[in-house]
N, C-alpha and C. Protein backbone atom coordinates (compact mmCIF):
# COMPACT_ATOMS: atom_id res chain seq x y z
N MET A 1 -2.25 -12.94 30.30
CA MET A 1 -2.65 -11.83 28.97
C MET A 1 -1.29 -11.29 28.57
N LEU A 2 -0.24 -11.55 29.72
CA LEU A 2 1.19 -11.02 29.56
C LEU A 2 2.17 -11.83 28.16
N GLU A 3 1.94 -13.27 28.37
CA GLU A 3 2.38 -13.91 27.50
C GLU A 3 1.54 -13.52 25.74
N PHE A 4 0.39 -13.37 26.14
CA PHE A 4 -0.44 -13.28 24.97
C PHE A 4 0.05 -11.90 24.64
N LEU A 5 0.06 -11.37 25.29
CA LEU A 5 0.62 -9.51 24.19
C LEU A 5 2.16 -9.67 24.31
N ASP A 6 3.01 -10.17 24.84
CA ASP A 6 4.57 -10.67 24.30
C ASP A 6 4.18 -11.37 22.83
N ARG A 7 3.46 -12.96 22.89
CA ARG A 7 3.56 -12.83 21.68
C ARG A 7 3.12 -12.53 20.49
N PHE A 8 2.51 -11.18 20.43
CA PHE A 8 1.42 -10.70 19.28
C PHE A 8 2.35 -9.35 19.31
N LYS A 9 3.15 -8.21 19.70
CA LYS A 9 3.40 -7.77 19.52
C LYS A 9 4.57 -7.88 18.86
N LYS A 10 4.73 -9.32 18.26
CA LYS A 10 6.20 -9.22 17.19
C LYS A 10 5.72 -8.45 15.75
N THR A 11 4.02 -9.16 15.69
CA THR A 11 4.21 -8.00 14.33
C THR A 11 2.74 -6.99 14.54
N PRO A 12 2.82 -6.13 13.88
CA PRO A 12 1.69 -5.11 13.78
C PRO A 12 0.36 -5.39 14.31
N VAL A 13 -0.13 -6.39 12.93
CA VAL A 13 -1.73 -6.39 13.30
C VAL A 13 -1.41 -8.29 13.14
N PHE A 14 -2.59 -8.97 13.69
CA PHE A 14 -3.17 -9.69 14.16
C PHE A 14 -4.79 -10.44 14.04
N SER A 15 -4.52 -11.88 13.88
CA SER A 15 -5.98 -11.64 13.76
C SER A 15 -6.63 -12.18 14.87
N VAL A 16 -7.54 -12.33 14.88
CA VAL A 16 -8.65 -13.22 15.44
C VAL A 16 -8.21 -14.82 15.18
N ARG A 17 -8.52 -15.09 14.21
CA ARG A 17 -7.73 -16.49 13.88
C ARG A 17 -6.43 -16.83 13.88
N GLU A 18 -5.84 -16.02 13.55
CA GLU A 18 -5.08 -16.67 14.42
C GLU A 18 -4.39 -16.61 16.02
N VAL A 19 -5.29 -16.10 16.59
CA VAL A 19 -5.73 -16.16 17.79
C VAL A 19 -6.50 -17.27 18.58
N GLU A 20 -6.65 -17.58 17.53
CA GLU A 20 -7.74 -19.12 18.10
C GLU A 20 -6.66 -19.99 17.53
N GLN A 21 -5.73 -19.54 16.60
CA GLN A 21 -5.49 -21.18 16.33
C GLN A 21 -4.17 -21.54 17.05
N LEU A 22 -3.47 -20.40 18.20
CA LEU A 22 -2.46 -20.44 18.86
C LEU A 22 -3.24 -20.83 19.97
N TYR A 23 -4.69 -20.36 20.58
CA TYR A 23 -4.77 -21.20 21.55
C TYR A 23 -6.22 -21.53 21.43
N PRO A 24 -6.91 -23.14 21.80
CA PRO A 24 -7.97 -23.44 21.06
C PRO A 24 -8.43 -23.25 22.68
N GLY A 25 -10.04 -22.92 22.01
CA GLY A 25 -10.70 -22.68 23.32
C GLY A 25 -10.56 -20.82 23.61
N PHE A 26 -10.12 -20.69 22.72
CA PHE A 26 -9.96 -18.97 23.19
C PHE A 26 -11.38 -18.18 23.40
N GLU A 27 -11.67 -17.33 24.67
CA GLU A 27 -12.92 -16.29 24.35
C GLU A 27 -12.90 -15.35 23.92
N ARG A 28 -13.47 -15.21 22.82
CA ARG A 28 -13.32 -13.84 22.21
C ARG A 28 -14.18 -12.41 23.06
N GLU A 29 -14.72 -12.79 24.06
CA GLU A 29 -14.42 -12.06 25.35
C GLU A 29 -13.67 -11.05 25.53
N ASN A 30 -12.23 -12.37 26.10
CA ASN A 30 -10.62 -11.58 26.27
C ASN A 30 -11.11 -10.17 25.33
N LEU A 31 -10.67 -10.62 24.09
CA LEU A 31 -9.88 -9.16 22.99
C LEU A 31 -11.18 -7.64 23.58
N LEU A 32 -12.37 -7.91 23.57
CA LEU A 32 -12.65 -6.82 23.86
C LEU A 32 -12.73 -6.35 25.12
N ASN A 33 -12.25 -6.61 25.96
CA ASN A 33 -12.23 -6.27 27.76
C ASN A 33 -10.40 -6.05 27.58
N TRP A 34 -9.97 -6.85 26.43
CA TRP A 34 -8.11 -6.31 27.18
C TRP A 34 -8.72 -4.46 25.85
N GLN A 35 -9.78 -4.79 25.30
CA GLN A 35 -9.66 -3.46 24.45
C GLN A 35 -9.77 -2.12 25.04
N LYS A 36 -11.00 -2.79 25.81
CA LYS A 36 -11.75 -1.33 26.71
C LYS A 36 -10.40 -0.89 28.11
N LYS A 37 -9.15 -1.71 27.98
CA LYS A 37 -8.68 -1.66 29.01
C LYS A 37 -7.37 -1.62 28.69
N GLY A 38 -7.30 -0.97 27.26
CA GLY A 38 -6.23 -0.03 26.33
C GLY A 38 -5.47 -1.34 26.45
N TYR A 39 -5.26 -2.26 25.97
CA TYR A 39 -3.87 -3.21 26.18
C TYR A 39 -3.62 -3.35 24.47
N ILE A 40 -4.60 -3.57 23.83
CA ILE A 40 -4.54 -3.74 22.10
C ILE A 40 -6.28 -2.79 21.19
N VAL A 41 -5.66 -2.27 20.29
CA VAL A 41 -6.50 -1.65 19.93
C VAL A 41 -6.78 -2.39 18.37
N ARG A 42 -8.40 -2.02 18.45
CA ARG A 42 -9.22 -2.87 17.16
C ARG A 42 -8.89 -1.81 15.92
N ILE A 43 -8.39 -2.85 14.68
CA ILE A 43 -7.91 -1.84 13.31
C ILE A 43 -9.58 -2.47 12.80
N ARG A 44 -10.28 -3.24 12.31
CA ARG A 44 -11.16 -3.41 12.04
C ARG A 44 -11.82 -4.80 12.29
N ASN A 45 -13.06 -5.39 11.94
CA ASN A 45 -13.85 -6.56 12.20
C ASN A 45 -12.58 -7.59 12.51
N GLY A 46 -12.24 -8.51 12.84
CA GLY A 46 -11.46 -9.63 13.29
C GLY A 46 -9.84 -9.13 13.27
N TRP A 47 -9.10 -8.38 12.93
CA TRP A 47 -7.62 -7.83 13.38
C TRP A 47 -7.55 -6.69 14.54
N TYR A 48 -6.37 -6.84 15.33
CA TYR A 48 -6.06 -6.08 16.12
C TYR A 48 -4.83 -5.80 16.26
N SER A 49 -4.32 -5.57 16.90
CA SER A 49 -2.68 -4.63 17.37
C SER A 49 -2.52 -4.64 18.56
N VAL A 50 -1.68 -4.68 19.70
CA VAL A 50 -0.97 -4.38 20.63
C VAL A 50 -1.02 -2.93 20.36
N LYS A 51 -1.44 -2.14 21.22
CA LYS A 51 -1.38 -1.15 21.53
C LYS A 51 -0.02 -0.28 21.84
N GLY A 52 0.77 0.74 21.00
CA GLY A 52 1.10 0.91 20.72
C GLY A 52 2.45 0.84 19.65
N ARG A 53 2.30 -0.80 18.91
CA ARG A 53 3.10 -1.61 18.35
C ARG A 53 3.77 -0.86 16.81
N ILE A 54 1.97 0.03 16.58
CA ILE A 54 2.89 0.41 14.69
C ILE A 54 4.05 1.88 15.41
N THR A 55 5.23 1.63 14.86
CA THR A 55 5.51 3.29 15.23
C THR A 55 6.23 3.62 13.83
N ILE A 56 6.23 3.37 12.47
CA ILE A 56 7.11 3.13 11.80
C ILE A 56 6.33 3.43 10.55
N GLU A 57 6.53 4.07 9.66
CA GLU A 57 5.60 4.38 8.14
C GLU A 57 5.06 2.49 7.77
N GLU A 58 6.40 1.80 7.96
CA GLU A 58 6.00 0.09 7.57
C GLU A 58 5.14 -0.63 8.51
N HIS A 59 5.21 -0.23 9.42
CA HIS A 59 4.58 -0.72 10.14
C HIS A 59 2.58 -0.82 9.32
N LEU A 60 2.63 0.13 8.91
CA LEU A 60 1.03 0.90 8.11
C LEU A 60 0.78 -0.17 7.03
N TYR A 61 1.69 -0.48 6.29
CA TYR A 61 2.10 -1.27 5.27
C TYR A 61 2.10 -2.55 5.05
N TRP A 62 2.28 -3.06 5.95
CA TRP A 62 2.01 -4.07 6.56
C TRP A 62 0.38 -4.48 6.93
N VAL A 63 -0.29 -3.95 7.68
CA VAL A 63 -1.35 -3.51 8.41
C VAL A 63 -2.50 -3.68 7.48
N ALA A 64 -2.16 -2.86 6.40
CA ALA A 64 -2.51 -2.42 5.11
C ALA A 64 -2.37 -3.86 4.57
N ASN A 65 -1.63 -4.51 4.02
CA ASN A 65 -2.11 -6.01 3.29
C ASN A 65 -2.69 -6.94 3.91
N LYS A 66 -2.58 -6.94 5.43
CA LYS A 66 -3.09 -7.89 6.45
C LYS A 66 -4.94 -8.10 6.53
N ILE A 67 -4.64 -6.50 6.02
CA ILE A 67 -6.63 -6.09 7.27
C ILE A 67 -6.90 -6.20 5.50
N TYR A 68 -7.16 -6.29 4.48
CA TYR A 68 -7.79 -6.65 3.30
C TYR A 68 -6.47 -7.33 1.58
N HIS A 69 -7.08 -8.63 2.18
CA HIS A 69 -6.25 -9.39 1.05
C HIS A 69 -7.54 -9.93 -0.01
N PRO A 70 -6.80 -10.50 -0.97
CA PRO A 70 -4.86 -9.51 -1.74
C PRO A 70 -4.83 -8.37 -1.55
N SER A 71 -3.50 -7.51 -2.14
CA SER A 71 -3.22 -6.73 -2.12
C SER A 71 -2.37 -6.42 -2.15
N TYR A 72 -1.88 -4.69 -2.66
CA TYR A 72 0.14 -4.98 -2.30
C TYR A 72 0.12 -2.86 -2.12
N VAL A 73 0.66 -2.60 -1.46
CA VAL A 73 0.93 -0.72 -1.18
C VAL A 73 1.42 -0.52 -3.55
N SER A 74 0.33 1.02 -3.33
CA SER A 74 0.56 1.01 -4.45
C SER A 74 -0.34 2.36 -3.87
N LEU A 75 0.07 3.30 -5.64
CA LEU A 75 -0.49 4.90 -6.00
C LEU A 75 0.30 5.84 -5.12
N GLU A 76 -0.29 6.28 -4.52
CA GLU A 76 0.46 8.06 -3.86
C GLU A 76 1.18 7.29 -2.75
N THR A 77 1.04 5.99 -2.14
CA THR A 77 1.85 5.70 -0.45
C THR A 77 3.42 5.61 -1.19
N ALA A 78 3.48 4.97 -2.67
CA ALA A 78 4.37 3.95 -2.93
C ALA A 78 5.13 4.95 -4.27
N PHE A 79 4.46 6.44 -4.50
CA PHE A 79 5.27 7.58 -5.03
C PHE A 79 5.94 7.92 -3.56
N SER A 80 4.98 8.03 -2.73
CA SER A 80 5.90 8.42 -0.90
C SER A 80 7.22 8.29 -0.64
N TYR A 81 7.18 6.74 -0.79
CA TYR A 81 8.09 5.79 -0.26
C TYR A 81 9.54 5.84 -1.49
N TYR A 82 9.24 5.91 -2.93
CA TYR A 82 10.66 5.93 -2.87
C TYR A 82 10.57 7.22 -3.09
N GLY A 83 9.63 8.45 -2.60
CA GLY A 83 10.88 9.39 -2.76
C GLY A 83 9.93 10.90 -4.00
N TRP A 84 9.20 10.13 -4.49
CA TRP A 84 8.16 10.69 -5.56
C TRP A 84 8.01 12.01 -5.62
N ILE A 85 7.24 12.60 -4.31
CA ILE A 85 6.01 13.01 -4.12
C ILE A 85 7.29 14.27 -2.69
N PRO A 86 7.12 15.49 -2.77
CA PRO A 86 7.20 16.27 -2.02
C PRO A 86 6.23 16.10 -0.51
N GLU A 87 5.09 15.36 -0.31
CA GLU A 87 4.50 15.81 0.51
C GLU A 87 3.64 14.66 1.24
N ALA A 88 3.98 14.83 3.00
CA ALA A 88 3.00 13.61 3.50
C ALA A 88 1.85 12.88 2.85
N VAL A 89 1.99 11.65 3.24
CA VAL A 89 0.77 11.13 2.02
C VAL A 89 0.26 10.74 4.34
N PHE A 90 -1.00 10.92 4.22
CA PHE A 90 -1.77 10.24 5.46
C PHE A 90 -2.65 9.26 5.24
N THR A 91 -2.68 8.44 3.48
CA THR A 91 -3.46 7.66 3.25
C THR A 91 -2.94 7.03 2.99
N VAL A 92 -2.77 5.42 3.13
CA VAL A 92 -2.22 4.54 2.47
C VAL A 92 -2.36 3.73 1.48
N THR A 93 -2.31 3.71 0.62
CA THR A 93 -3.59 3.61 -0.14
C THR A 93 -2.52 2.15 -1.33
N SER A 94 -4.02 1.59 -2.07
CA SER A 94 -3.14 -0.01 -2.11
C SER A 94 -3.82 -0.61 -3.15
N ILE A 95 -3.15 -1.90 -4.22
CA ILE A 95 -4.23 -1.84 -5.17
C ILE A 95 -4.66 -3.41 -4.96
N SER A 96 -5.85 -3.56 -4.74
CA SER A 96 -6.81 -5.27 -4.73
C SER A 96 -7.68 -5.86 -5.89
N THR A 97 -7.34 -6.96 -5.57
CA THR A 97 -8.47 -7.42 -6.35
C THR A 97 -9.99 -7.46 -5.89
N ARG A 98 -10.19 -7.55 -4.66
CA ARG A 98 -11.36 -6.87 -4.15
C ARG A 98 -12.40 -5.64 -4.64
N LYS A 99 -12.93 -5.32 -4.64
CA LYS A 99 -13.60 -4.65 -4.53
C LYS A 99 -13.35 -3.68 -3.83
N THR A 100 -13.56 -1.63 -4.61
CA THR A 100 -12.72 -0.55 -3.74
C THR A 100 -13.43 -0.31 -2.46
N GLN A 101 -12.38 0.16 -1.20
CA GLN A 101 -12.57 0.06 0.13
C GLN A 101 -11.65 0.84 0.36
N VAL A 102 -12.59 1.63 1.74
CA VAL A 102 -11.60 2.83 2.35
C VAL A 102 -12.00 1.85 4.20
N PHE A 103 -11.28 2.04 4.77
CA PHE A 103 -11.22 2.00 6.41
C PHE A 103 -10.58 3.53 7.39
N ASP A 104 -11.29 3.82 7.69
CA ASP A 104 -10.60 4.48 8.66
C ASP A 104 -10.73 4.12 9.97
N THR A 105 -8.90 4.03 10.00
CA THR A 105 -8.87 3.31 11.86
C THR A 105 -8.44 3.94 13.16
N PRO A 106 -8.34 3.73 13.76
CA PRO A 106 -6.87 4.21 15.11
C PRO A 106 -5.97 4.32 14.87
N VAL A 107 -5.21 4.30 13.74
CA VAL A 107 -4.07 3.46 13.78
C VAL A 107 -3.61 4.30 11.97
N GLY A 108 -5.20 4.85 11.31
CA GLY A 108 -4.39 5.36 10.28
C GLY A 108 -5.43 4.71 9.00
N TYR A 109 -5.88 5.84 7.46
CA TYR A 109 -7.07 5.70 7.11
C TYR A 109 -6.07 4.70 5.70
N PHE A 110 -6.71 4.15 5.29
CA PHE A 110 -7.20 2.50 4.70
C PHE A 110 -7.77 2.57 3.32
N ARG A 111 -6.77 3.28 1.52
CA ARG A 111 -8.03 2.48 0.84
C ARG A 111 -7.29 1.72 -0.12
N TYR A 112 -8.26 1.56 -0.89
CA TYR A 112 -7.86 0.34 -1.87
C TYR A 112 -8.95 0.44 -2.93
N SER A 113 -7.64 0.23 -4.00
CA SER A 113 -8.50 0.57 -5.45
C SER A 113 -8.60 -0.89 -6.02
N SER A 114 -9.85 -1.01 -7.18
CA SER A 114 -10.04 -2.46 -7.13
C SER A 114 -9.35 -2.39 -8.98
N VAL A 115 -8.71 -3.61 -9.03
CA VAL A 115 -8.09 -4.08 -10.53
C VAL A 115 -8.72 -5.69 -10.86
N LYS A 116 -8.49 -5.85 -12.08
CA LYS A 116 -8.74 -6.86 -12.56
C LYS A 116 -7.57 -7.73 -11.99
N PRO A 117 -8.24 -9.46 -11.64
CA PRO A 117 -7.06 -10.58 -11.17
C PRO A 117 -5.57 -10.66 -12.42
N SER A 118 -5.63 -9.94 -13.63
CA SER A 118 -4.99 -9.75 -14.78
C SER A 118 -3.93 -8.78 -14.14
N LEU A 119 -4.30 -8.17 -13.73
CA LEU A 119 -3.45 -6.56 -13.62
C LEU A 119 -2.56 -6.78 -12.20
N PHE A 120 -3.16 -7.86 -11.23
CA PHE A 120 -2.62 -8.09 -9.92
C PHE A 120 -1.04 -8.53 -9.97
N PHE A 121 0.03 -7.81 -10.43
CA PHE A 121 1.37 -8.29 -10.44
C PHE A 121 1.85 -6.67 -9.82
N GLY A 122 3.85 -7.12 -10.41
CA GLY A 122 4.12 -6.37 -9.84
C GLY A 122 4.30 -5.77 -9.10
N TYR A 123 4.31 -6.10 -8.00
CA TYR A 123 4.88 -6.14 -6.67
C TYR A 123 5.96 -6.74 -5.71
N ARG A 124 7.35 -6.39 -5.34
CA ARG A 124 8.43 -7.07 -4.30
C ARG A 124 7.46 -6.86 -2.67
N LEU A 125 8.56 -7.74 -2.33
CA LEU A 125 8.37 -7.71 -0.61
C LEU A 125 9.25 -6.96 -0.05
N LEU A 126 9.00 -6.42 0.39
CA LEU A 126 9.65 -5.14 1.35
C LEU A 126 10.27 -5.50 3.00
N LYS A 127 11.29 -5.78 3.09
CA LYS A 127 11.84 -6.75 4.39
C LYS A 127 12.10 -5.29 5.66
N THR A 128 10.80 -5.80 7.08
CA THR A 128 10.47 -4.47 8.00
C THR A 128 10.52 -6.19 8.68
N GLU A 129 11.54 -6.34 9.94
CA GLU A 129 11.07 -6.83 10.93
C GLU A 129 11.33 -8.40 10.63
N GLY A 130 11.90 -8.99 9.28
CA GLY A 130 11.45 -10.04 9.35
C GLY A 130 10.17 -10.29 8.75
N TYR A 131 9.02 -9.80 8.85
CA TYR A 131 8.40 -10.44 7.12
C TYR A 131 8.25 -9.37 6.34
N GLY A 132 7.73 -9.88 5.47
CA GLY A 132 7.56 -9.12 3.66
C GLY A 132 6.15 -8.48 3.76
N THR A 133 6.17 -7.00 3.20
CA THR A 133 5.77 -6.00 3.14
C THR A 133 5.33 -6.70 1.43
N LYS A 134 4.27 -6.27 0.89
CA LYS A 134 3.92 -6.30 -0.42
C LYS A 134 3.94 -5.28 -1.00
N ILE A 135 4.63 -4.52 -2.08
CA ILE A 135 4.56 -2.80 -2.52
C ILE A 135 4.77 -3.25 -3.94
N ALA A 136 4.49 -2.32 -4.52
CA ALA A 136 4.54 -2.26 -6.06
C ALA A 136 5.85 -2.04 -6.59
N GLU A 137 6.42 -2.49 -7.43
CA GLU A 137 7.03 -1.75 -7.69
C GLU A 137 7.13 -0.83 -8.64
N PRO A 138 8.23 0.23 -9.32
CA PRO A 138 7.96 1.62 -9.26
C PRO A 138 6.92 1.59 -10.49
N GLU A 139 7.87 0.85 -12.15
CA GLU A 139 7.14 1.11 -13.12
C GLU A 139 5.34 0.82 -12.27
N LYS A 140 5.33 -0.92 -11.42
CA LYS A 140 4.18 -0.90 -11.69
C LYS A 140 2.96 0.46 -11.20
N ALA A 141 3.82 1.07 -9.55
CA ALA A 141 3.41 2.34 -8.93
C ALA A 141 2.73 3.13 -10.16
N LEU A 142 3.45 3.86 -10.59
CA LEU A 142 3.53 4.49 -11.84
C LEU A 142 2.55 3.95 -12.86
N LEU A 143 2.88 2.94 -13.43
CA LEU A 143 1.02 2.32 -14.42
C LEU A 143 -0.19 2.39 -13.35
N ASP A 144 -0.11 2.22 -12.00
CA ASP A 144 -1.46 1.95 -11.63
C ASP A 144 -1.81 2.88 -11.59
N PHE A 145 -0.74 4.50 -11.18
CA PHE A 145 -1.29 5.75 -10.53
C PHE A 145 -1.53 5.70 -12.61
N LEU A 146 -1.18 6.25 -13.47
CA LEU A 146 -1.95 6.16 -14.45
C LEU A 146 -3.09 5.73 -15.27
N TYR A 147 -3.39 4.46 -14.69
CA TYR A 147 -4.25 3.55 -15.27
C TYR A 147 -5.76 4.20 -14.36
N LEU A 148 -5.77 4.51 -12.94
CA LEU A 148 -6.63 4.73 -11.65
C LEU A 148 -7.20 6.23 -12.43
N HIS A 149 -6.27 7.09 -12.75
CA HIS A 149 -6.11 8.69 -12.89
C HIS A 149 -6.26 8.63 -14.12
N PRO A 150 -7.59 8.55 -14.86
CA PRO A 150 -7.85 9.38 -16.72
C PRO A 150 -8.25 10.86 -16.73
N LYS A 151 -8.28 11.25 -15.72
CA LYS A 151 -8.07 12.58 -15.58
C LYS A 151 -6.79 12.88 -16.03
N ILE A 152 -5.80 12.52 -16.23
CA ILE A 152 -3.71 13.02 -16.47
C ILE A 152 -4.51 13.12 -17.86
N ALA A 153 -4.42 13.77 -18.94
CA ALA A 153 -4.48 13.83 -19.82
C ALA A 153 -3.53 15.14 -19.97
N THR A 154 -2.78 15.71 -19.82
CA THR A 154 -1.67 16.47 -20.19
C THR A 154 -0.38 16.82 -19.13
N ILE A 155 0.29 17.59 -19.66
CA ILE A 155 1.78 17.69 -18.79
C ILE A 155 1.55 18.60 -17.37
N ALA A 156 0.34 19.27 -18.06
CA ALA A 156 0.18 20.09 -16.83
C ALA A 156 -0.19 19.50 -15.62
N ASP A 157 -1.40 18.18 -15.94
CA ASP A 157 -1.61 17.74 -15.27
C ASP A 157 -0.70 16.84 -14.42
N LEU A 158 0.35 16.76 -15.57
CA LEU A 158 1.45 16.31 -14.85
C LEU A 158 2.32 16.83 -13.83
N GLU A 159 2.74 18.26 -14.30
CA GLU A 159 3.43 19.31 -13.45
C GLU A 159 2.68 18.95 -12.39
N ALA A 160 0.75 19.67 -12.16
CA ALA A 160 0.42 19.51 -10.97
C ALA A 160 1.06 18.63 -10.07
N LEU A 161 1.47 17.80 -9.86
CA LEU A 161 2.20 16.81 -8.80
C LEU A 161 2.88 16.96 -8.69
N ARG A 162 3.90 18.06 -9.18
CA ARG A 162 4.70 17.79 -8.31
C ARG A 162 6.26 16.85 -8.18
N LEU A 163 6.35 15.84 -9.19
CA LEU A 163 6.60 14.64 -9.15
C LEU A 163 8.49 15.12 -9.51
N ASN A 164 9.45 13.99 -8.48
CA ASN A 164 10.78 14.05 -8.58
C ASN A 164 10.83 13.44 -8.91
N LEU A 165 11.37 14.34 -10.13
CA LEU A 165 12.33 13.34 -11.50
C LEU A 165 12.95 13.04 -11.33
N ASP A 166 14.17 13.95 -11.27
CA ASP A 166 15.70 13.38 -10.44
C ASP A 166 15.56 11.45 -10.08
N GLN A 167 15.38 11.73 -8.80
CA GLN A 167 14.62 10.24 -8.44
C GLN A 167 14.18 9.34 -9.36
N MET A 168 13.03 9.87 -9.98
CA MET A 168 12.17 8.55 -10.44
C MET A 168 13.27 8.61 -11.88
N ARG A 169 14.31 9.20 -12.66
CA ARG A 169 15.30 8.39 -13.07
C ARG A 169 16.03 7.65 -12.88
N ASN A 170 16.51 7.91 -11.82
CA ASN A 170 17.16 6.58 -11.02
C ASN A 170 16.15 5.13 -10.80
N ASP A 171 14.89 5.24 -10.65
CA ASP A 171 14.01 4.12 -10.34
C ASP A 171 13.65 2.68 -11.19
N ILE A 172 13.40 4.26 -12.33
CA ILE A 172 12.53 3.71 -13.38
C ILE A 172 13.29 2.86 -14.36
N ASN A 173 12.84 1.47 -14.56
CA ASN A 173 13.78 0.59 -15.81
C ASN A 173 12.10 0.57 -16.53
N TRP A 174 12.74 1.63 -18.03
CA TRP A 174 11.69 1.71 -19.43
C TRP A 174 11.59 0.67 -19.69
N GLU A 175 12.14 0.02 -19.78
CA GLU A 175 12.25 -1.49 -20.57
C GLU A 175 10.95 -2.48 -19.42
N LYS A 176 11.18 -2.53 -18.39
CA LYS A 176 10.39 -3.04 -17.26
C LYS A 176 8.90 -1.76 -17.69
N LEU A 177 8.51 -1.42 -17.71
CA LEU A 177 8.02 -0.46 -17.90
C LEU A 177 6.70 -0.44 -18.57
N SER A 178 7.87 -0.70 -19.94
CA SER A 178 6.85 -0.98 -21.40
C SER A 178 6.34 -2.38 -21.64
N ILE A 179 6.67 -3.17 -20.77
CA ILE A 179 6.40 -4.58 -20.66
C ILE A 179 5.13 -4.34 -20.14
N TYR A 180 5.37 -4.38 -18.70
CA TYR A 180 4.54 -3.83 -17.34
C TYR A 180 3.11 -3.44 -19.05
N CYS A 181 3.15 -2.17 -18.97
CA CYS A 181 2.03 -1.69 -20.24
C CYS A 181 1.27 -2.29 -20.98
N THR A 182 2.06 -3.46 -21.64
CA THR A 182 1.48 -3.89 -22.43
C THR A 182 0.79 -5.26 -21.83
N LEU A 183 0.71 -6.01 -20.31
CA LEU A 183 -0.09 -6.17 -19.76
C LEU A 183 -1.38 -6.21 -19.42
N PHE A 184 -0.97 -4.85 -19.39
CA PHE A 184 -2.58 -3.88 -19.15
C PHE A 184 -3.78 -4.01 -20.36
N ASP A 185 -3.20 -3.73 -21.16
CA ASP A 185 -3.86 -4.83 -22.74
C ASP A 185 -4.84 -3.03 -22.69
N SER A 186 -4.24 -1.86 -22.26
CA SER A 186 -4.93 -0.74 -22.30
C SER A 186 -4.75 0.65 -23.43
N THR A 187 -5.42 0.68 -24.49
CA THR A 187 -5.06 1.38 -25.24
C THR A 187 -5.01 3.42 -24.30
N ALA A 188 -6.17 3.36 -23.69
CA ALA A 188 -6.10 4.70 -22.59
C ALA A 188 -4.63 4.95 -22.11
N LEU A 189 -4.50 3.90 -21.46
CA LEU A 189 -3.44 3.59 -20.60
C LEU A 189 -1.68 4.44 -21.28
N SER A 190 -1.49 3.45 -22.64
CA SER A 190 -0.35 3.28 -23.67
C SER A 190 -1.07 4.91 -23.43
N LYS A 191 -1.56 5.65 -24.28
CA LYS A 191 -1.16 7.13 -24.89
C LYS A 191 -1.65 7.70 -22.73
N ARG A 192 -1.55 7.50 -22.12
CA ARG A 192 -0.93 8.81 -20.89
C ARG A 192 0.52 8.22 -20.87
N VAL A 193 0.48 6.77 -20.42
CA VAL A 193 2.08 6.79 -20.19
C VAL A 193 3.18 7.65 -22.02
N GLN A 194 2.30 7.90 -22.91
CA GLN A 194 3.62 8.71 -23.82
C GLN A 194 3.61 9.70 -23.63
N ILE A 195 2.35 10.43 -22.79
CA ILE A 195 2.51 12.18 -22.22
C ILE A 195 3.10 12.13 -21.24
N PHE A 196 3.30 10.95 -19.98
CA PHE A 196 3.80 10.52 -19.14
C PHE A 196 5.56 10.96 -19.84
N LYS A 197 5.31 10.02 -20.85
CA LYS A 197 7.34 10.18 -21.41
C LYS A 197 7.78 11.51 -22.07
N ASN A 198 6.89 12.11 -22.54
CA ASN A 198 6.97 13.76 -23.07
C ASN A 198 7.47 14.52 -21.87
N TYR A 199 6.64 13.99 -20.86
CA TYR A 199 6.93 14.95 -20.14
C TYR A 199 8.13 14.69 -19.19
N PHE A 200 8.18 13.77 -19.12
CA PHE A 200 9.50 13.02 -18.27
C PHE A 200 10.94 13.83 -19.02
N TYR A 201 10.82 13.54 -20.20
CA TYR A 201 12.16 13.35 -20.85
C TYR A 201 12.42 14.74 -21.31
N HIS A 202 11.58 15.76 -21.60
CA HIS A 202 12.19 17.20 -21.75
C HIS A 202 11.14 18.08 -20.85
N ALA A 203 11.24 17.63 -19.71
CA ALA A 203 11.70 18.28 -18.34
C ALA A 203 12.92 19.20 -17.94
N GLU A 204 12.64 20.10 -17.53
CA GLU A 204 14.72 20.68 -17.12
C GLU A 204 14.57 20.00 -15.52
N PRO A 205 15.85 19.35 -16.05
CA PRO A 205 16.61 18.77 -14.60
C PRO A 205 16.88 19.56 -13.03
N ALA A 206 16.31 19.29 -12.09
CA ALA A 206 16.42 19.93 -11.03
C ALA A 206 17.47 20.55 -10.56
């Protein structure tokens, strides 16, 4: 068991499939017993973590990528990571090509918003402890948010988000955002992007 824990505490989350690949003939009942004894935590069906292994926010991003695949971190969680919003985000928000889904787990709450496969792009790898976590680029995080929040229709709606525009000015490449927006092929999104630009360029600097 100690060898098992040493091996799998190297990653924030591991799957039953990974265990069986490394230990042919492994009895799944062991996982249940170790869970009862508090050595490991069950995240969701087929996914576990060594207890105490998840210690920083980026570990949760990795968990989000793994337990519902394919997916990448975006929306409010990406806003928080880039320093665009003042509030702490207690739900890890992601984009996936699979159906919209939520998981309430012992290590956190995970929400996945569904998009069509052609919109699954614009993410980069965030390197943490030797592994790469998929997180939206700044431009794609903003577009994902505007695309999935059709009620944002006025500058007042954007003001209510209390965005850190100074930080966004440092992060956003408007040429890239324009190219990405074209790939969405959405007139409604283009209109919301224009509303955001009006707000972005006319807001008073902090």
